[in-house]
Amino acid sequence: MSGLRQAVHAEWTKVRTLPGLLWLLAAVAVLTAAVSAATAAAVHCPAAGCSQDPGRLSLTGVQFGQAGVAVLAALLISGEYGTGMIRTTLAAVPHRTIVLAAKVAVLTGLVLAAGVLAVGGSVLAGRLILPGNGFTGFSPAHGPALRAAAGSVVYLVLVALLSLGVATAVRDSAAAIGAVLGLLYLFPILASVVADPDWYRHLQQIGPMTAGLAVQATLPGSDAPIGPYGGLGVLTAWAAGGLLAGLAVLHRRDA
């Protein structure tokens, strides 16, 4: 455990000495909330009622924030390969599983902090803006709304971990970011061009983004392709697969 603590401390020191990463994290929090607020302000519910989910509307910015955390996670390790610092890291901590575990711990803490701020700002904006646009009954204290908010924070963390695993495997930031964003957006694109409704639903159920974002549904009878916790389970499987692939490559290849 002492080895892991030392490795975590070293990783945190690296992050603190690279201000670009912390600024990126701050930008993710601010812009996620800003996009959510802009979306809430742009949507109006007619007096006759509407079927749009106020919880999803309030958390729209998460779809923007996921790109930011994917970039952050990729830079966390691919930057070391680019500068050659990974050799120093592995010389100081020869146990490569501990190296990756330390990066997972630091990344999780960073994205949790930014995610709480981003989602909190998004929910607050929705609470203030949506009632004036005709939406009624939306309360952050409501059970489904709380689950949607907490689940959105978890969603961002899982996307970041998926990106870290892919970046560890491919070692190039541009390739890793492209691969992760491709995974996130590929399944919705494929689903949009599939005519068979069963295939459409299956593609949404296995896609990391469409499955993971099902946690944001707050209305009963939602048309989400999968249940909220099942969707997070699918995304967790993607993240775990990415990390295992990254760990396998980290053990087999030289720095």
C-alpha atoms as a PDB file:
ATOM      1  CA  MET A   1       0.000   0.000   0.000  1.00  0.00           C
ATOM      2  CA  SER A   2       2.884   2.384   0.731  1.00  0.00           C
ATOM      3  CA  GLY A   3       4.103   1.882  -2.852  1.00  0.00           C
ATOM      4  CA  LEU A   4       0.682   2.807  -4.189  1.00  0.00           C
ATOM      5  CA  ARG A   5       0.471   5.877  -1.942  1.00  0.00           C
ATOM      6  CA  GLN A   6       3.864   7.058  -3.130  1.00  0.00           C
ATOM      7  CA  ALA A   7       2.886   6.481  -6.746  1.00  0.00           C
ATOM      8  CA  VAL A   8      -0.375   8.414  -6.263  1.00  0.00           C
ATOM      9  CA  HIS A   9       1.548  11.276  -4.668  1.00  0.00           C
ATOM     10  CA  ALA A  10       3.963  11.306  -7.620  1.00  0.00           C
ATOM     11  CA  GLU A  11       1.110  11.356 -10.129  1.00  0.00           C
ATOM     12  CA  TRP A  12      -0.589  14.194  -8.270  1.00  0.00           C
ATOM     13  CA  THR A  13       2.680  16.140  -8.281  1.00  0.00           C
ATOM     14  CA  LYS A  14       2.905  15.717 -12.063  1.00  0.00           C
ATOM     15  CA  VAL A  15      -0.635  17.008 -12.519  1.00  0.00           C
ATOM     16  CA  ARG A  16      -0.006  20.036 -10.302  1.00  0.00           C
ATOM     17  CA  THR A  17       3.125  20.941 -12.235  1.00  0.00           C
ATOM     18  CA  LEU A  18       1.269  20.790 -15.555  1.00  0.00           C
ATOM     19  CA  PRO A  19      -1.166  23.709 -15.220  1.00  0.00           C
ATOM     20  CA  GLY A  20      -2.659  23.004 -18.632  1.00  0.00           C
ATOM     21  CA  LEU A  21      -4.343  19.875 -17.280  1.00  0.00           C
ATOM     22  CA  LEU A  22      -5.942  21.713 -14.358  1.00  0.00           C
ATOM     23  CA  TRP A  23      -7.102  24.532 -16.629  1.00  0.00           C
ATOM     24  CA  LEU A  24      -8.644  21.931 -18.946  1.00  0.00           C
ATOM     25  CA  LEU A  25     -10.448  20.414 -15.980  1.00  0.00           C
ATOM     26  CA  ALA A  26     -11.785  23.831 -14.925  1.00  0.00           C
ATOM     27  CA  ALA A  27     -12.906  24.525 -18.495  1.00  0.00           C
ATOM     28  CA  VAL A  28     -14.792  21.214 -18.575  1.00  0.00           C
ATOM     29  CA  ALA A  29     -16.711  22.150 -15.411  1.00  0.00           C
ATOM     30  CA  VAL A  30     -17.570  25.679 -16.566  1.00  0.00           C
ATOM     31  CA  LEU A  31     -18.462  24.851 -20.157  1.00  0.00           C
ATOM     32  CA  THR A  32     -20.527  21.801 -19.213  1.00  0.00           C
ATOM     33  CA  ALA A  33     -22.695  23.943 -16.947  1.00  0.00           C
ATOM     34  CA  ALA A  34     -22.832  26.720 -19.570  1.00  0.00           C
ATOM     35  CA  VAL A  35     -24.004  24.350 -22.318  1.00  0.00           C
ATOM     36  CA  SER A  36     -26.643  22.910 -20.003  1.00  0.00           C
ATOM     37  CA  ALA A  37     -27.872  26.404 -19.095  1.00  0.00           C
ATOM     38  CA  ALA A  38     -28.018  27.460 -22.747  1.00  0.00           C
ATOM     39  CA  THR A  39     -29.998  24.340 -23.637  1.00  0.00           C
ATOM     40  CA  ALA A  40     -32.448  24.887 -20.791  1.00  0.00           C
ATOM     41  CA  ALA A  41     -32.951  28.498 -21.868  1.00  0.00           C
ATOM     42  CA  ALA A  42     -33.570  27.523 -25.496  1.00  0.00           C
ATOM     43  CA  VAL A  43     -36.306  24.924 -24.864  1.00  0.00           C
ATOM     44  CA  HIS A  44     -39.891  25.923 -24.090  1.00  0.00           C
ATOM     45  CA  CYS A  45     -42.750  23.685 -23.028  1.00  0.00           C
ATOM     46  CA  PRO A  46     -46.196  24.634 -24.435  1.00  0.00           C
ATOM     47  CA  ALA A  47     -49.122  25.177 -22.097  1.00  0.00           C
ATOM     48  CA  ALA A  48     -50.671  21.925 -23.306  1.00  0.00           C
ATOM     49  CA  GLY A  49     -47.708  20.049 -21.869  1.00  0.00           C
ATOM     50  CA  CYS A  50     -44.689  18.363 -23.391  1.00  0.00           C
ATOM     51  CA  SER A  51     -42.933  15.036 -23.149  1.00  0.00           C
ATOM     52  CA  GLN A  52     -39.389  16.360 -22.910  1.00  0.00           C
ATOM     53  CA  ASP A  53     -37.459  15.176 -19.880  1.00  0.00           C
ATOM     54  CA  PRO A  54     -36.389  18.172 -17.756  1.00  0.00           C
ATOM     55  CA  GLY A  55     -33.668  16.111 -16.124  1.00  0.00           C
ATOM     56  CA  ARG A  56     -32.074  15.246 -19.447  1.00  0.00           C
ATOM     57  CA  LEU A  57     -32.385  18.856 -20.614  1.00  0.00           C
ATOM     58  CA  SER A  58     -30.648  20.120 -17.491  1.00  0.00           C
ATOM     59  CA  LEU A  59     -27.774  17.698 -18.009  1.00  0.00           C
ATOM     60  CA  THR A  60     -27.266  18.162 -21.754  1.00  0.00           C
ATOM     61  CA  GLY A  61     -23.856  19.701 -21.161  1.00  0.00           C
ATOM     62  CA  VAL A  62     -22.521  16.338 -19.969  1.00  0.00           C
ATOM     63  CA  GLN A  63     -22.392  15.288 -23.622  1.00  0.00           C
ATOM     64  CA  PHE A  64     -19.979  18.153 -24.162  1.00  0.00           C
ATOM     65  CA  GLY A  65     -18.033  17.571 -20.960  1.00  0.00           C
ATOM     66  CA  GLN A  66     -17.320  13.949 -21.845  1.00  0.00           C
ATOM     67  CA  ALA A  67     -15.036  15.068 -24.682  1.00  0.00           C
ATOM     68  CA  GLY A  68     -13.056  17.222 -22.268  1.00  0.00           C
ATOM     69  CA  VAL A  69     -12.515  14.466 -19.723  1.00  0.00           C
ATOM     70  CA  ALA A  70     -11.560  12.048 -22.510  1.00  0.00           C
ATOM     71  CA  VAL A  71      -8.869  14.499 -23.659  1.00  0.00           C
ATOM     72  CA  LEU A  72      -7.659  15.023 -20.083  1.00  0.00           C
ATOM     73  CA  ALA A  73      -7.375  11.292 -19.443  1.00  0.00           C
ATOM     74  CA  ALA A  74      -5.505  10.670 -22.680  1.00  0.00           C
ATOM     75  CA  LEU A  75      -3.015  13.451 -21.950  1.00  0.00           C
ATOM     76  CA  LEU A  76      -2.421  12.080 -18.460  1.00  0.00           C
ATOM     77  CA  ILE A  77      -0.357   9.208 -19.859  1.00  0.00           C
ATOM     78  CA  SER A  78       0.249   9.828 -23.564  1.00  0.00           C
ATOM     79  CA  GLY A  79       2.059  13.051 -22.676  1.00  0.00           C
ATOM     80  CA  GLU A  80       4.585  10.970 -20.734  1.00  0.00           C
ATOM     81  CA  TYR A  81       5.200   8.777 -23.754  1.00  0.00           C
ATOM     82  CA  GLY A  82       5.637  11.843 -25.935  1.00  0.00           C
ATOM     83  CA  THR A  83       8.273  13.401 -23.662  1.00  0.00           C
ATOM     84  CA  GLY A  84       9.934  10.155 -22.614  1.00  0.00           C
ATOM     85  CA  MET A  85       9.026  10.774 -18.956  1.00  0.00           C
ATOM     86  CA  ILE A  86       7.382   7.363 -18.862  1.00  0.00           C
ATOM     87  CA  ARG A  87      10.879   5.839 -18.574  1.00  0.00           C
ATOM     88  CA  THR A  88      11.499   7.832 -15.395  1.00  0.00           C
ATOM     89  CA  THR A  89       8.079   6.852 -14.064  1.00  0.00           C
ATOM     90  CA  LEU A  90       8.677   3.158 -14.652  1.00  0.00           C
ATOM     91  CA  ALA A  91      12.186   3.358 -13.231  1.00  0.00           C
ATOM     92  CA  ALA A  92      10.822   4.912 -10.030  1.00  0.00           C
ATOM     93  CA  VAL A  93       7.869   2.500  -9.852  1.00  0.00           C
ATOM     94  CA  PRO A  94       8.820  -0.749 -11.620  1.00  0.00           C
ATOM     95  CA  HIS A  95       5.483  -2.412 -10.825  1.00  0.00           C
ATOM     96  CA  ARG A  96       3.455  -1.308 -13.836  1.00  0.00           C
ATOM     97  CA  THR A  97       0.108  -2.264 -12.332  1.00  0.00           C
ATOM     98  CA  ILE A  98       0.788   0.216  -9.522  1.00  0.00           C
ATOM     99  CA  VAL A  99       1.673   2.910 -12.074  1.00  0.00           C
ATOM    100  CA  LEU A 100      -1.659   2.507 -13.837  1.00  0.00           C
ATOM    101  CA  ALA A 101      -3.568   2.181 -10.549  1.00  0.00           C
ATOM    102  CA  ALA A 102      -2.060   5.458  -9.352  1.00  0.00           C
ATOM    103  CA  LYS A 103      -3.117   7.198 -12.550  1.00  0.00           C
ATOM    104  CA  VAL A 104      -6.619   5.735 -12.161  1.00  0.00           C
ATOM    105  CA  ALA A 105      -6.828   7.053  -8.589  1.00  0.00           C
ATOM    106  CA  VAL A 106      -5.658  10.573  -9.473  1.00  0.00           C
ATOM    107  CA  LEU A 107      -7.817  10.765 -12.589  1.00  0.00           C
ATOM    108  CA  THR A 108     -10.888   9.546 -10.691  1.00  0.00           C
ATOM    109  CA  GLY A 109     -10.414  12.179  -8.009  1.00  0.00           C
ATOM    110  CA  LEU A 110      -9.918  14.977 -10.537  1.00  0.00           C
ATOM    111  CA  VAL A 111     -12.926  14.059 -12.666  1.00  0.00           C
ATOM    112  CA  LEU A 112     -15.115  13.492  -9.607  1.00  0.00           C
ATOM    113  CA  ALA A 113     -14.345  17.025  -8.406  1.00  0.00           C
ATOM    114  CA  ALA A 114     -14.902  18.592 -11.832  1.00  0.00           C
ATOM    115  CA  GLY A 115     -17.971  16.428 -12.449  1.00  0.00           C
ATOM    116  CA  VAL A 116     -19.646  17.458  -9.197  1.00  0.00           C
ATOM    117  CA  LEU A 117     -19.112  21.138 -10.070  1.00  0.00           C
ATOM    118  CA  ALA A 118     -20.246  20.670 -13.666  1.00  0.00           C
ATOM    119  CA  VAL A 119     -23.342  18.638 -12.838  1.00  0.00           C
ATOM    120  CA  GLY A 120     -24.185  20.803  -9.837  1.00  0.00           C
ATOM    121  CA  GLY A 121     -24.041  23.914 -12.000  1.00  0.00           C
ATOM    122  CA  SER A 122     -26.131  22.226 -14.695  1.00  0.00           C
ATOM    123  CA  VAL A 123     -28.831  21.130 -12.254  1.00  0.00           C
ATOM    124  CA  LEU A 124     -28.928  24.566 -10.632  1.00  0.00           C
ATOM    125  CA  ALA A 125     -29.309  26.211 -14.024  1.00  0.00           C
ATOM    126  CA  GLY A 126     -32.138  23.856 -14.914  1.00  0.00           C
ATOM    127  CA  ARG A 127     -33.876  24.508 -11.604  1.00  0.00           C
ATOM    128  CA  LEU A 128     -33.720  28.263 -12.171  1.00  0.00           C
ATOM    129  CA  ILE A 129     -34.485  28.380 -15.903  1.00  0.00           C
ATOM    130  CA  LEU A 130     -36.864  25.531 -16.763  1.00  0.00           C
ATOM    131  CA  PRO A 131     -39.867  26.601 -14.608  1.00  0.00           C
ATOM    132  CA  GLY A 132     -39.916  29.913 -16.488  1.00  0.00           C
ATOM    133  CA  ASN A 133     -40.073  27.996 -19.776  1.00  0.00           C
ATOM    134  CA  GLY A 134     -43.175  26.029 -18.848  1.00  0.00           C
ATOM    135  CA  PHE A 135     -41.650  22.979 -17.168  1.00  0.00           C
ATOM    136  CA  THR A 136     -43.239  22.044 -13.859  1.00  0.00           C
ATOM    137  CA  GLY A 137     -42.370  19.570 -11.145  1.00  0.00           C
ATOM    138  CA  PHE A 138     -38.620  19.562 -11.718  1.00  0.00           C
ATOM    139  CA  SER A 139     -36.795  19.424  -8.391  1.00  0.00           C
ATOM    140  CA  PRO A 140     -33.154  18.418  -7.806  1.00  0.00           C
ATOM    141  CA  ALA A 141     -34.301  16.867  -4.502  1.00  0.00           C
ATOM    142  CA  HIS A 142     -36.567  14.430  -6.370  1.00  0.00           C
ATOM    143  CA  GLY A 143     -35.279  10.843  -6.346  1.00  0.00           C
ATOM    144  CA  PRO A 144     -34.913  10.353 -10.133  1.00  0.00           C
ATOM    145  CA  ALA A 145     -33.301  13.794 -10.488  1.00  0.00           C
ATOM    146  CA  LEU A 146     -30.755  12.961  -7.790  1.00  0.00           C
ATOM    147  CA  ARG A 147     -30.003   9.649  -9.482  1.00  0.00           C
ATOM    148  CA  ALA A 148     -29.620  11.396 -12.849  1.00  0.00           C
ATOM    149  CA  ALA A 149     -27.216  13.955 -11.363  1.00  0.00           C
ATOM    150  CA  ALA A 150     -25.098  11.441  -9.443  1.00  0.00           C
ATOM    151  CA  GLY A 151     -25.143   9.062 -12.394  1.00  0.00           C
ATOM    152  CA  SER A 152     -23.910  11.824 -14.703  1.00  0.00           C
ATOM    153  CA  VAL A 153     -20.885  12.375 -12.463  1.00  0.00           C
ATOM    154  CA  VAL A 154     -20.176   8.639 -12.509  1.00  0.00           C
ATOM    155  CA  TYR A 155     -20.639   8.678 -16.292  1.00  0.00           C
ATOM    156  CA  LEU A 156     -17.905  11.302 -16.701  1.00  0.00           C
ATOM    157  CA  VAL A 157     -15.545   9.301 -14.469  1.00  0.00           C
ATOM    158  CA  LEU A 158     -16.141   6.121 -16.476  1.00  0.00           C
ATOM    159  CA  VAL A 159     -15.546   7.906 -19.794  1.00  0.00           C
ATOM    160  CA  ALA A 160     -12.282   9.254 -18.386  1.00  0.00           C
ATOM    161  CA  LEU A 161     -11.189   5.760 -17.296  1.00  0.00           C
ATOM    162  CA  LEU A 162     -12.078   4.342 -20.707  1.00  0.00           C
ATOM    163  CA  SER A 163      -9.937   7.040 -22.312  1.00  0.00           C
ATOM    164  CA  LEU A 164      -7.043   6.357 -19.929  1.00  0.00           C
ATOM    165  CA  GLY A 165      -7.098   2.666 -20.817  1.00  0.00           C
ATOM    166  CA  VAL A 166      -7.177   3.325 -24.554  1.00  0.00           C
ATOM    167  CA  ALA A 167      -4.401   5.943 -24.302  1.00  0.00           C
ATOM    168  CA  THR A 168      -2.250   3.505 -22.315  1.00  0.00           C
ATOM    169  CA  ALA A 169      -2.688   0.940 -25.075  1.00  0.00           C
ATOM    170  CA  VAL A 170      -2.085   3.158 -28.115  1.00  0.00           C
ATOM    171  CA  ARG A 171       0.420   5.590 -26.498  1.00  0.00           C
ATOM    172  CA  ASP A 172      -0.520   8.481 -28.770  1.00  0.00           C
ATOM    173  CA  SER A 173      -2.825  11.249 -27.554  1.00  0.00           C
ATOM    174  CA  ALA A 174      -4.400  12.068 -30.920  1.00  0.00           C
ATOM    175  CA  ALA A 175      -5.042   8.405 -31.736  1.00  0.00           C
ATOM    176  CA  ALA A 176      -6.430   7.727 -28.260  1.00  0.00           C
ATOM    177  CA  ILE A 177      -8.753  10.735 -28.282  1.00  0.00           C
ATOM    178  CA  GLY A 178      -9.968   9.846 -31.767  1.00  0.00           C
ATOM    179  CA  ALA A 179     -10.578   6.228 -30.765  1.00  0.00           C
ATOM    180  CA  VAL A 180     -12.519   7.117 -27.618  1.00  0.00           C
ATOM    181  CA  LEU A 181     -14.665   9.777 -29.285  1.00  0.00           C
ATOM    182  CA  GLY A 182     -15.242   7.342 -32.134  1.00  0.00           C
ATOM    183  CA  LEU A 183     -16.464   4.713 -29.663  1.00  0.00           C
ATOM    184  CA  LEU A 184     -18.771   7.214 -27.981  1.00  0.00           C
ATOM    185  CA  TYR A 185     -20.364   8.539 -31.159  1.00  0.00           C
ATOM    186  CA  LEU A 186     -20.122   5.520 -33.477  1.00  0.00           C
ATOM    187  CA  PHE A 187     -23.049   3.604 -32.012  1.00  0.00           C
ATOM    188  CA  PRO A 188     -25.543   6.523 -32.143  1.00  0.00           C
ATOM    189  CA  ILE A 189     -24.519   7.150 -35.777  1.00  0.00           C
ATOM    190  CA  LEU A 190     -24.955   3.499 -36.695  1.00  0.00           C
ATOM    191  CA  ALA A 191     -28.296   3.364 -34.887  1.00  0.00           C
ATOM    192  CA  SER A 192     -29.529   6.407 -36.814  1.00  0.00           C
ATOM    193  CA  VAL A 193     -29.031   4.679 -40.176  1.00  0.00           C
ATOM    194  CA  VAL A 194     -30.432   1.280 -39.174  1.00  0.00           C
ATOM    195  CA  ALA A 195     -34.010   0.694 -40.295  1.00  0.00           C
ATOM    196  CA  ASP A 196     -34.727  -2.341 -38.103  1.00  0.00           C
ATOM    197  CA  PRO A 197     -36.097  -1.144 -34.728  1.00  0.00           C
ATOM    198  CA  ASP A 198     -34.632  -4.146 -32.896  1.00  0.00           C
ATOM    199  CA  TRP A 199     -31.140  -3.462 -34.218  1.00  0.00           C
ATOM    200  CA  TYR A 200     -31.617   0.219 -33.425  1.00  0.00           C
ATOM    201  CA  ARG A 201     -32.360  -0.608 -29.812  1.00  0.00           C
ATOM    202  CA  HIS A 202     -29.545  -3.167 -29.520  1.00  0.00           C
ATOM    203  CA  LEU A 203     -26.976  -0.702 -30.854  1.00  0.00           C
ATOM    204  CA  GLN A 204     -28.095   1.874 -28.320  1.00  0.00           C
ATOM    205  CA  GLN A 205     -27.980  -0.704 -25.537  1.00  0.00           C
ATOM    206  CA  ILE A 206     -24.343  -1.656 -26.192  1.00  0.00           C
ATOM    207  CA  GLY A 207     -23.014   1.791 -27.101  1.00  0.00           C
ATOM    208  CA  PRO A 208     -21.028   3.329 -24.222  1.00  0.00           C
ATOM    209  CA  MET A 209     -22.581   6.770 -24.619  1.00  0.00           C
ATOM    210  CA  THR A 210     -26.210   5.870 -25.302  1.00  0.00           C
ATOM    211  CA  ALA A 211     -26.239   3.195 -22.604  1.00  0.00           C
ATOM    212  CA  GLY A 212     -24.418   5.322 -20.034  1.00  0.00           C
ATOM    213  CA  LEU A 213     -26.570   8.403 -20.558  1.00  0.00           C
ATOM    214  CA  ALA A 214     -29.730   6.376 -19.882  1.00  0.00           C
ATOM    215  CA  VAL A 215     -29.049   7.221 -16.236  1.00  0.00           C
ATOM    216  CA  GLN A 216     -30.255  10.772 -16.955  1.00  0.00           C
ATOM    217  CA  ALA A 217     -33.878   9.736 -17.580  1.00  0.00           C
ATOM    218  CA  THR A 218     -36.187  11.138 -14.898  1.00  0.00           C
ATOM    219  CA  LEU A 219     -39.658  10.697 -16.385  1.00  0.00           C
ATOM    220  CA  PRO A 220     -41.689   7.494 -15.883  1.00  0.00           C
ATOM    221  CA  GLY A 221     -42.083   5.469 -19.045  1.00  0.00           C
ATOM    222  CA  SER A 222     -38.864   6.850 -20.517  1.00  0.00           C
ATOM    223  CA  ASP A 223     -37.916   5.624 -23.997  1.00  0.00           C
ATOM    224  CA  ALA A 224     -34.306   5.057 -22.921  1.00  0.00           C
ATOM    225  CA  PRO A 225     -32.899   1.918 -24.600  1.00  0.00           C
ATOM    226  CA  ILE A 226     -31.768   0.419 -21.279  1.00  0.00           C
ATOM    227  CA  GLY A 227     -32.361   0.963 -17.572  1.00  0.00           C
ATOM    228  CA  PRO A 228     -30.297   3.623 -15.785  1.00  0.00           C
ATOM    229  CA  TYR A 229     -28.194   1.226 -13.727  1.00  0.00           C
ATOM    230  CA  GLY A 230     -27.904  -1.314 -16.510  1.00  0.00           C
ATOM    231  CA  GLY A 231     -26.642   1.460 -18.770  1.00  0.00           C
ATOM    232  CA  LEU A 232     -23.958   2.447 -16.285  1.00  0.00           C
ATOM    233  CA  GLY A 233     -23.062  -1.243 -16.074  1.00  0.00           C
ATOM    234  CA  VAL A 234     -22.483  -1.336 -19.837  1.00  0.00           C
ATOM    235  CA  LEU A 235     -20.238   1.729 -19.652  1.00  0.00           C
ATOM    236  CA  THR A 236     -18.401   0.217 -16.677  1.00  0.00           C
ATOM    237  CA  ALA A 237     -17.695  -2.865 -18.786  1.00  0.00           C
ATOM    238  CA  TRP A 238     -16.288  -0.675 -21.571  1.00  0.00           C
ATOM    239  CA  ALA A 239     -14.090   1.221 -19.094  1.00  0.00           C
ATOM    240  CA  ALA A 240     -12.863  -1.985 -17.470  1.00  0.00           C
ATOM    241  CA  GLY A 241     -12.092  -3.481 -20.877  1.00  0.00           C
ATOM    242  CA  GLY A 242     -10.126  -0.393 -21.869  1.00  0.00           C
ATOM    243  CA  LEU A 243      -8.099  -0.419 -18.658  1.00  0.00           C
ATOM    244  CA  LEU A 244      -7.361  -4.140 -18.919  1.00  0.00           C
ATOM    245  CA  ALA A 245      -6.221  -3.697 -22.519  1.00  0.00           C
ATOM    246  CA  GLY A 246      -4.023  -0.773 -21.493  1.00  0.00           C
ATOM    247  CA  LEU A 247      -2.537  -2.743 -18.599  1.00  0.00           C
ATOM    248  CA  ALA A 248      -1.784  -5.714 -20.856  1.00  0.00           C
ATOM    249  CA  VAL A 249       0.056  -3.484 -23.331  1.00  0.00           C
ATOM    250  CA  LEU A 250       1.865  -1.656 -20.525  1.00  0.00           C
ATOM    251  CA  HIS A 251       3.228  -4.980 -19.236  1.00  0.00           C
ATOM    252  CA  ARG A 252       4.223  -6.363 -22.624  1.00  0.00           C
ATOM    253  CA  ARG A 253       5.881  -3.378 -24.298  1.00  0.00           C
ATOM    254  CA  ASP A 254       8.995  -1.498 -23.386  1.00  0.00           C
ATOM    255  CA  ALA A 255       8.699   2.155 -22.444  1.00  0.00           C
END
